[in-house]
Amino acid sequence: MDLPQLTPQQLKELVQGFVDDRIRELIGDPDLGLSLGDALRSRLKESLAGSDRLSGDDVADRLGLRW
């Protein structure tokens, strides 16, 4: 790829690709590839089987956060 030959749109897409890749590197999922322990797996299954749910707004209210 010859940089001086790029159109403005191609240059924009190239830079956006670099930025996207870097953000993924910096903010990626730190737990990716890790396995769940048996205790946590059991707690998650139990939680999902229950009917109690909180909305994002409820959680934010309990933590004193504003959207």
N, C-alpha and C. Protein backbone atom coordinates (compact mmCIF):
# COMPACT_ATOMS: atom_id res chain seq x y z
N MET A 1 0.85 -1.17 0.00
CA MET A 1 0.00 0.00 0.00
C MET A 1 0.90 1.24 0.00
N ASP A 2 0.66 2.10 -0.95
CA ASP A 2 1.45 3.33 -1.07
C ASP A 2 0.65 4.48 -0.46
N LEU A 3 1.09 4.94 0.70
CA LEU A 3 0.36 5.95 1.47
C LEU A 3 0.01 7.20 0.67
N PRO A 4 0.93 7.77 -0.11
CA PRO A 4 0.56 8.97 -0.86
C PRO A 4 -0.53 8.74 -1.91
N GLN A 5 -0.73 7.50 -2.29
CA GLN A 5 -1.73 7.19 -3.31
C GLN A 5 -3.14 6.98 -2.75
N LEU A 6 -3.26 6.96 -1.43
CA LEU A 6 -4.57 6.72 -0.83
C LEU A 6 -5.50 7.91 -1.02
N THR A 7 -6.77 7.60 -1.20
CA THR A 7 -7.79 8.65 -1.24
C THR A 7 -8.05 9.07 0.21
N PRO A 8 -8.65 10.23 0.40
CA PRO A 8 -8.99 10.63 1.78
C PRO A 8 -9.86 9.58 2.50
N GLN A 9 -10.79 8.98 1.78
CA GLN A 9 -11.65 7.96 2.39
C GLN A 9 -10.84 6.73 2.78
N GLN A 10 -9.92 6.29 1.93
CA GLN A 10 -9.08 5.15 2.25
C GLN A 10 -8.19 5.43 3.45
N LEU A 11 -7.64 6.63 3.52
CA LEU A 11 -6.80 7.02 4.65
C LEU A 11 -7.62 7.02 5.94
N LYS A 12 -8.84 7.56 5.86
CA LYS A 12 -9.72 7.59 7.03
C LYS A 12 -10.01 6.16 7.51
N GLU A 13 -10.31 5.26 6.60
CA GLU A 13 -10.60 3.87 6.97
C GLU A 13 -9.37 3.19 7.56
N LEU A 14 -8.20 3.49 7.02
CA LEU A 14 -6.96 2.92 7.53
C LEU A 14 -6.70 3.38 8.97
N VAL A 15 -6.85 4.68 9.21
CA VAL A 15 -6.64 5.22 10.56
C VAL A 15 -7.67 4.66 11.52
N GLN A 16 -8.93 4.57 11.10
CA GLN A 16 -9.97 4.01 11.97
C GLN A 16 -9.64 2.56 12.34
N GLY A 17 -9.11 1.82 11.38
CA GLY A 17 -8.72 0.44 11.66
C GLY A 17 -7.62 0.37 12.70
N PHE A 18 -6.62 1.25 12.58
CA PHE A 18 -5.54 1.29 13.58
C PHE A 18 -6.08 1.62 14.96
N VAL A 19 -6.96 2.61 15.02
CA VAL A 19 -7.53 3.04 16.30
C VAL A 19 -8.37 1.92 16.91
N ASP A 20 -9.21 1.29 16.09
CA ASP A 20 -10.03 0.18 16.59
C ASP A 20 -9.17 -0.95 17.14
N ASP A 21 -8.12 -1.31 16.42
CA ASP A 21 -7.23 -2.37 16.88
C ASP A 21 -6.57 -2.02 18.20
N ARG A 22 -6.12 -0.79 18.31
CA ARG A 22 -5.43 -0.36 19.55
C ARG A 22 -6.39 -0.34 20.73
N ILE A 23 -7.60 0.12 20.51
CA ILE A 23 -8.60 0.15 21.59
C ILE A 23 -8.89 -1.27 22.05
N ARG A 24 -9.04 -2.21 21.11
CA ARG A 24 -9.27 -3.60 21.49
C ARG A 24 -8.11 -4.15 22.32
N GLU A 25 -6.88 -3.78 21.97
CA GLU A 25 -5.72 -4.22 22.73
C GLU A 25 -5.75 -3.68 24.15
N LEU A 26 -6.13 -2.41 24.30
CA LEU A 26 -6.10 -1.76 25.60
C LEU A 26 -7.27 -2.12 26.49
N ILE A 27 -8.45 -2.30 25.89
CA ILE A 27 -9.66 -2.48 26.67
C ILE A 27 -10.21 -3.90 26.54
N GLY A 28 -9.52 -4.77 25.87
CA GLY A 28 -10.02 -6.12 25.66
C GLY A 28 -10.47 -6.80 26.93
N ASP A 29 -11.13 -7.91 26.79
CA ASP A 29 -11.66 -8.66 27.92
C ASP A 29 -10.51 -9.34 28.67
N PRO A 30 -10.22 -8.90 29.89
CA PRO A 30 -9.10 -9.49 30.62
C PRO A 30 -9.36 -10.93 31.05
N ASP A 31 -10.62 -11.36 31.03
CA ASP A 31 -10.97 -12.72 31.44
C ASP A 31 -11.09 -13.68 30.27
N LEU A 32 -10.86 -13.18 29.06
CA LEU A 32 -10.97 -14.01 27.88
C LEU A 32 -10.04 -15.22 27.99
N GLY A 33 -10.60 -16.40 27.81
CA GLY A 33 -9.80 -17.61 27.86
C GLY A 33 -9.70 -18.25 29.23
N LEU A 34 -10.13 -17.56 30.27
CA LEU A 34 -10.09 -18.13 31.62
C LEU A 34 -11.31 -19.02 31.83
N SER A 35 -11.16 -20.03 32.65
CA SER A 35 -12.29 -20.92 32.93
C SER A 35 -12.95 -20.52 34.24
N LEU A 36 -14.23 -20.85 34.36
CA LEU A 36 -14.97 -20.57 35.59
C LEU A 36 -14.75 -21.71 36.57
N GLY A 37 -14.60 -21.36 37.83
CA GLY A 37 -14.51 -22.38 38.87
C GLY A 37 -15.88 -23.01 39.11
N ASP A 38 -15.89 -24.18 39.70
CA ASP A 38 -17.15 -24.89 39.94
C ASP A 38 -18.09 -24.09 40.84
N ALA A 39 -17.54 -23.43 41.85
CA ALA A 39 -18.38 -22.67 42.78
C ALA A 39 -19.06 -21.50 42.06
N LEU A 40 -18.31 -20.78 41.24
CA LEU A 40 -18.90 -19.66 40.52
C LEU A 40 -19.91 -20.15 39.49
N ARG A 41 -19.60 -21.23 38.82
CA ARG A 41 -20.53 -21.80 37.83
C ARG A 41 -21.86 -22.16 38.51
N SER A 42 -21.79 -22.75 39.69
CA SER A 42 -23.00 -23.11 40.43
C SER A 42 -23.80 -21.87 40.81
N ARG A 43 -23.10 -20.84 41.29
CA ARG A 43 -23.79 -19.60 41.68
C ARG A 43 -24.46 -18.95 40.48
N LEU A 44 -23.80 -18.96 39.33
CA LEU A 44 -24.40 -18.38 38.14
C LEU A 44 -25.64 -19.15 37.69
N LYS A 45 -25.56 -20.47 37.72
CA LYS A 45 -26.72 -21.28 37.34
C LYS A 45 -27.89 -21.02 38.28
N GLU A 46 -27.59 -20.94 39.57
CA GLU A 46 -28.63 -20.67 40.56
C GLU A 46 -29.25 -19.29 40.33
N SER A 47 -28.43 -18.33 40.05
CA SER A 47 -28.92 -16.97 39.82
C SER A 47 -29.79 -16.91 38.57
N LEU A 48 -29.37 -17.57 37.51
CA LEU A 48 -30.14 -17.56 36.27
C LEU A 48 -31.45 -18.32 36.40
N ALA A 49 -31.50 -19.30 37.29
CA ALA A 49 -32.73 -20.07 37.48
C ALA A 49 -33.78 -19.26 38.25
N GLY A 50 -33.34 -18.27 39.02
CA GLY A 50 -34.26 -17.45 39.80
C GLY A 50 -34.99 -16.44 38.92
N SER A 51 -36.00 -15.83 39.47
CA SER A 51 -36.79 -14.86 38.70
C SER A 51 -36.47 -13.42 39.08
N ASP A 52 -35.68 -13.21 40.11
CA ASP A 52 -35.34 -11.86 40.54
C ASP A 52 -34.35 -11.23 39.55
N ARG A 53 -34.72 -10.08 39.04
CA ARG A 53 -33.84 -9.38 38.11
C ARG A 53 -33.83 -7.90 38.47
N LEU A 54 -32.69 -7.25 38.25
CA LEU A 54 -32.58 -5.81 38.44
C LEU A 54 -32.27 -5.18 37.09
N SER A 55 -32.89 -4.05 36.85
CA SER A 55 -32.58 -3.31 35.63
C SER A 55 -31.28 -2.53 35.84
N GLY A 56 -30.71 -2.07 34.75
CA GLY A 56 -29.52 -1.23 34.85
C GLY A 56 -29.79 0.01 35.67
N ASP A 57 -30.98 0.57 35.54
CA ASP A 57 -31.35 1.76 36.32
C ASP A 57 -31.40 1.44 37.82
N ASP A 58 -31.95 0.26 38.17
CA ASP A 58 -31.99 -0.13 39.58
C ASP A 58 -30.59 -0.26 40.17
N VAL A 59 -29.71 -0.89 39.42
CA VAL A 59 -28.33 -1.06 39.89
C VAL A 59 -27.66 0.30 40.06
N ALA A 60 -27.86 1.18 39.08
CA ALA A 60 -27.26 2.52 39.16
C ALA A 60 -27.79 3.26 40.38
N ASP A 61 -29.10 3.16 40.65
CA ASP A 61 -29.67 3.81 41.83
C ASP A 61 -29.06 3.28 43.11
N ARG A 62 -28.90 1.98 43.19
CA ARG A 62 -28.33 1.38 44.42
C ARG A 62 -26.89 1.81 44.62
N LEU A 63 -26.17 2.04 43.53
CA LEU A 63 -24.77 2.44 43.64
C LEU A 63 -24.59 3.94 43.64
N GLY A 64 -25.70 4.68 43.52
CA GLY A 64 -25.60 6.13 43.51
C GLY A 64 -25.02 6.68 42.22
N LEU A 65 -25.22 5.96 41.13
CA LEU A 65 -24.70 6.39 39.83
C LEU A 65 -25.78 7.05 39.00
N ARG A 66 -25.36 7.90 38.10
CA ARG A 66 -26.31 8.52 37.16
C ARG A 66 -25.93 8.13 35.75
N TRP A 67 -26.90 7.85 34.93
CA TRP A 67 -26.67 7.49 33.51
C TRP A 67 -26.43 8.72 32.71
